[in-house]
Amino acid sequence: MSNRKKVEFLLVNLITLVRLIGSFIIPILYFKKGINSFALFVFLIFLTDTIDGRLSRFFKVESFLGSLLDSVSDKLFGLIMLAILSYEFPIMLIILILELTILISSILAYSNNKNVKSSHTGKIKTFILDFGISLLFVLLAKDLFKEYISLSFYNSINKSKVNGFTD
C-alpha cells in the first residue's frame, strides 16, 4: 500500500473513530450542557457517517476494519440517541428494544462466523433512523434554530408584524 493510500485509509477510519468516540460524549453533553449544544453536536456526528462512507468509496480504501468500525459506530450512535430519546419520551423504548434486538442478532451471527456485512437495505434503515433522530433533536432545540441559524429571518418576521404585515 502506497503512503498516499495509507493516509487516505487512516483519514477515513479516523472520521469513523470520531463518531465512535463522539457517541460516548453525547450523553455527557445532553445532561451537562442542555439540548442546544447537544443538538448541534449530534448533527455533526451524524454527518461523519455520510462523510466516512463516501470518502472510503472515493479513495477505494474499503476494509474489514473500516466496515467493523462503521457498523459499531452506527449501532452505538443509534442506541445512545434512542436511549436519550427514551429518557424524554418513554414510547421510544419500543424502537430502542428493536435496535437492541438487531444488535444482538448481528453479534450472534458474527459469533457463528456468518457474514454481518451491511446490506443496502440496512444502510438505508440506518440513514433514516440516524437522520430522523438527529432531526428530532434539532427540532427540539428550537432556541438553537432561532438564535444561530435564522436570526435575520425571525427579525424580518417580527418587523413585518410590527408594521402590520401579518397573514
Foldseek 3Di string as FASTA:
>chain_A
DDPVLVVLLVVLQVLLVCLQVLLVCLVVCCVPPHLLVNLVSLVVSLVSLVVSVVSCVVSVPDDPVSQVSSVVSLLSNLLSLLVVVCVVPVVSVVVNVVSVVVVVVLVVCVVVVHDSGDDPVNVVVSNCSSVVSSVVSVVVPVVNCCPPPPVVVVVVVVVCVVVPNDD
